[in-house]
């Protein structure tokens, strides 16, 4: 904290103390009831702040966000509120949430997801290069023993670990091309194999 921030903090503390003293003196006869009301309004304020801060998580929990298996070889994925399609696949036995990215050439795993499926970043050779929206990053090639989406499984699947920070792993065209038909219609992505 710099001097300017400390000065502002001191000013706010003094202002708050003055307001509290004024409040207590002004309402000394009905202090119990007034404190109850102040606590109630404080809790309402905290509830509104918490709901606003957690709205994205609440919305994702309430809305459908995973694939619906509509028969053998057909999967329908609803579009998320942010406009993307998300799929959770079992990778080497662990669930990994991917964003479906038709602009990505390959399957690209984040550091967290690589760790989740048992890959040690220190053991990887970051010899590849990829262009991303944030510029060029180094990548490490890996092979996924198993990759399954519901009843549909693939083995020995090539993928990459991105050395840069990623919020979600990417399910790129190298995986999507394994499907016979990819269709986007009425807010859903339909994969058919």
Protein backbone atom coordinates (compact mmCIF):
# COMPACT_ATOMS: atom_id res chain seq x y z
CA UNK A 1 0.00 0.00 0.00
CA UNK A 2 1.31 3.42 -0.92
CA UNK A 3 1.01 6.61 1.06
CA UNK A 4 -2.01 7.71 -0.96
CA UNK A 5 -3.93 4.50 -0.21
CA UNK A 6 -3.00 4.68 3.50
CA UNK A 7 -4.24 8.26 3.63
CA UNK A 8 -7.54 7.30 2.02
CA UNK A 9 -7.91 4.36 4.41
CA UNK A 10 -7.24 6.58 7.44
CA UNK A 11 -9.79 9.10 6.17
CA UNK A 12 -12.44 6.39 5.70
CA UNK A 13 -11.77 4.94 9.18
CA UNK A 14 -12.10 8.38 10.82
CA UNK A 15 -15.26 9.15 8.80
CA UNK A 16 -16.75 5.79 9.75
CA UNK A 17 -15.93 6.32 13.43
CA UNK A 18 -17.54 9.78 13.39
CA UNK A 19 -20.69 8.39 11.75
CA UNK A 20 -20.93 5.57 14.30
CA UNK A 21 -20.49 7.98 17.24
CA UNK A 22 -23.12 10.34 15.78
CA UNK A 23 -25.48 7.41 15.23
CA UNK A 24 -25.10 6.11 18.81
CA UNK A 25 -25.60 9.58 20.33
CA UNK A 26 -28.58 10.37 18.11
CA UNK A 27 -30.36 7.04 18.77
CA UNK A 28 -29.29 6.33 22.38
CA UNK A 29 -32.90 5.82 23.61
CA UNK A 30 -33.79 3.24 20.93
CA UNK A 31 -30.34 1.77 20.36
CA UNK A 32 -31.43 -1.89 20.66
CA UNK A 33 -34.13 -1.66 18.01
CA UNK A 34 -31.95 0.50 15.78
CA UNK A 35 -29.07 -1.99 15.97
CA UNK A 36 -31.45 -4.82 15.02
CA UNK A 37 -32.57 -2.87 11.97
CA UNK A 38 -28.98 -2.00 11.07
CA UNK A 39 -27.97 -5.68 11.31
CA UNK A 40 -30.97 -6.70 9.19
CA UNK A 41 -30.09 -4.15 6.48
CA UNK A 42 -26.43 -5.20 6.66
CA UNK A 43 -27.39 -8.85 6.09
CA UNK A 44 -29.66 -7.88 3.19
CA UNK A 45 -26.78 -5.90 1.66
CA UNK A 46 -24.37 -8.84 2.08
CA UNK A 47 -26.95 -11.19 0.54
CA UNK A 48 -27.33 -8.98 -2.51
CA UNK A 49 -23.54 -8.67 -2.90
CA UNK A 50 -23.11 -12.46 -2.57
CA UNK A 51 -25.90 -13.18 -5.07
CA UNK A 52 -24.40 -10.70 -7.55
CA UNK A 53 -20.91 -12.16 -7.15
CA UNK A 54 -22.08 -15.76 -7.48
CA UNK A 55 -24.68 -15.16 -10.21
CA UNK A 56 -22.60 -16.84 -12.92
CA UNK A 57 -22.14 -19.98 -10.82
CA UNK A 58 -25.80 -20.03 -9.81
CA UNK A 59 -26.92 -19.62 -13.43
CA UNK A 60 -24.66 -22.45 -14.62
CA UNK A 61 -25.94 -24.73 -11.87
CA UNK A 62 -29.58 -24.04 -12.71
CA UNK A 63 -29.27 -24.28 -16.50
CA UNK A 64 -28.49 -27.46 -18.33
CA UNK A 65 -24.82 -27.55 -19.24
CA UNK A 66 -23.97 -31.10 -20.22
CA UNK A 67 -24.62 -33.29 -23.19
CA UNK A 68 -27.80 -35.26 -23.64
CA UNK A 69 -27.30 -38.74 -25.08
CA UNK A 70 -30.06 -39.15 -27.65
CA UNK A 71 -29.49 -42.70 -28.73
CA UNK A 72 -26.53 -44.68 -30.00
CA UNK A 73 -23.90 -42.40 -31.50
CA UNK A 74 -25.87 -39.12 -31.12
CA UNK A 75 -25.06 -36.45 -28.57
CA UNK A 76 -26.78 -33.08 -28.20
CA UNK A 77 -24.96 -30.29 -26.36
CA UNK A 78 -26.91 -27.20 -25.22
CA UNK A 79 -25.28 -23.80 -25.75
CA UNK A 80 -24.15 -22.21 -22.49
CA UNK A 81 -25.15 -18.66 -21.56
CA UNK A 82 -21.74 -17.38 -22.64
CA UNK A 83 -22.41 -18.67 -26.19
CA UNK A 84 -19.96 -21.60 -26.03
CA UNK A 85 -20.53 -25.34 -25.96
CA UNK A 86 -18.98 -27.31 -23.08
CA UNK A 87 -18.44 -31.05 -22.80
CA UNK A 88 -17.10 -33.09 -19.91
CA UNK A 89 -15.12 -36.05 -21.20
CA UNK A 90 -13.43 -38.82 -19.27
CA UNK A 91 -9.70 -38.50 -19.97
CA UNK A 92 -7.55 -41.33 -18.65
CA UNK A 93 -10.34 -42.01 -16.14
CA UNK A 94 -10.74 -38.44 -14.86
CA UNK A 95 -13.51 -35.98 -15.81
CA UNK A 96 -12.22 -32.97 -17.77
CA UNK A 97 -14.43 -30.08 -18.86
CA UNK A 98 -13.66 -28.83 -22.37
CA UNK A 99 -14.89 -25.88 -24.37
CA UNK A 100 -15.72 -27.03 -27.91
CA UNK A 101 -13.45 -24.90 -30.12
CA UNK A 102 -13.74 -25.28 -33.88
CA UNK A 103 -10.94 -22.71 -34.20
CA UNK A 104 -8.48 -24.98 -32.40
CA UNK A 105 -6.66 -27.56 -34.47
CA UNK A 106 -6.06 -30.07 -31.69
CA UNK A 107 -7.06 -31.08 -28.19
CA UNK A 108 -5.24 -28.72 -25.83
CA UNK A 109 -5.16 -29.32 -22.08
CA UNK A 110 -4.68 -26.70 -19.39
CA UNK A 111 -2.09 -27.20 -16.65
CA UNK A 112 -4.77 -28.07 -14.09
CA UNK A 113 -6.39 -30.67 -16.35
CA UNK A 114 -3.00 -32.18 -17.28
CA UNK A 115 -2.28 -32.55 -13.58
CA UNK A 116 -5.76 -34.02 -12.98
CA UNK A 117 -5.17 -36.83 -15.50
CA UNK A 118 -1.75 -37.65 -14.08
CA UNK A 119 0.64 -35.83 -16.40
CA UNK A 120 3.58 -34.10 -14.70
CA UNK A 121 4.43 -30.78 -16.37
CA UNK A 122 8.07 -31.14 -15.31
CA UNK A 123 8.33 -34.38 -17.34
CA UNK A 124 7.04 -32.81 -20.57
CA UNK A 125 9.10 -31.42 -23.45
CA UNK A 126 7.60 -28.12 -24.61
CA UNK A 127 8.98 -28.34 -28.14
CA UNK A 128 5.94 -27.23 -30.17
CA UNK A 129 4.67 -23.74 -30.89
CA UNK A 130 1.10 -22.55 -31.26
CA UNK A 131 -0.47 -19.20 -32.08
CA UNK A 132 -3.23 -18.20 -29.70
CA UNK A 133 -5.30 -15.08 -29.17
CA UNK A 134 -2.65 -14.08 -26.61
CA UNK A 135 0.28 -14.67 -28.96
CA UNK A 136 2.67 -17.55 -29.42
CA UNK A 137 2.98 -20.21 -26.72
CA UNK A 138 5.06 -23.34 -26.35
CA UNK A 139 3.29 -26.70 -26.32
CA UNK A 140 4.16 -30.27 -25.33
CA UNK A 141 2.79 -33.26 -27.28
CA UNK A 142 1.14 -36.06 -25.27
CA UNK A 143 -0.92 -39.18 -25.95
CA UNK A 144 -4.13 -39.74 -24.02
CA UNK A 145 -4.65 -43.41 -23.22
CA UNK A 146 -8.42 -43.04 -23.25
CA UNK A 147 -10.90 -40.31 -24.10
CA UNK A 148 -14.61 -41.02 -23.72
CA UNK A 149 -17.81 -39.06 -24.06
CA UNK A 150 -20.56 -41.16 -22.55
CA UNK A 151 -20.61 -44.50 -24.33
CA UNK A 152 -18.28 -43.34 -27.13
CA UNK A 153 -14.61 -44.00 -26.44
CA UNK A 154 -11.36 -43.38 -28.27
CA UNK A 155 -7.88 -44.61 -27.34
CA UNK A 156 -4.35 -43.39 -27.94
CA UNK A 157 -5.51 -39.87 -28.77
CA UNK A 158 -2.91 -37.18 -29.55
CA UNK A 159 -3.17 -33.93 -27.60
CA UNK A 160 -1.09 -30.97 -26.48
CA UNK A 161 -0.37 -29.29 -23.17
CA UNK A 162 -0.26 -25.51 -23.42
CA UNK A 163 2.58 -23.89 -21.48
CA UNK A 164 0.55 -20.68 -21.12
CA UNK A 165 -2.35 -20.15 -18.74
CA UNK A 166 -5.75 -21.38 -19.92
CA UNK A 167 -9.13 -21.16 -18.23
CA UNK A 168 -10.53 -24.24 -20.01
CA UNK A 169 -9.08 -27.09 -22.00
CA UNK A 170 -9.95 -26.97 -25.70
CA UNK A 171 -11.68 -29.70 -27.69
CA UNK A 172 -10.44 -28.91 -31.17
CA UNK A 173 -10.99 -30.20 -34.68
CA UNK A 174 -8.72 -33.25 -34.34
CA UNK A 175 -11.38 -34.68 -32.00
CA UNK A 176 -14.44 -33.24 -33.71
CA UNK A 177 -13.38 -34.78 -37.04
CA UNK A 178 -13.79 -38.22 -35.47
CA UNK A 179 -17.55 -37.62 -35.69
CA UNK A 180 -19.45 -38.27 -38.92
CA UNK A 181 -21.64 -35.21 -38.57
CA UNK A 182 -21.40 -31.96 -36.62
CA UNK A 183 -24.45 -29.71 -36.65
CA UNK A 184 -25.35 -26.49 -34.85
CA UNK A 185 -29.08 -25.86 -34.77
CA UNK A 186 -31.59 -24.19 -32.43
CA UNK A 187 -29.00 -23.41 -29.77
CA UNK A 188 -27.56 -26.93 -29.66
CA UNK A 189 -24.49 -28.67 -31.00
CA UNK A 190 -25.34 -32.15 -32.28
CA UNK A 191 -22.56 -34.73 -32.73
CA UNK A 192 -23.34 -37.95 -34.61
CA UNK A 193 -21.03 -40.93 -35.03
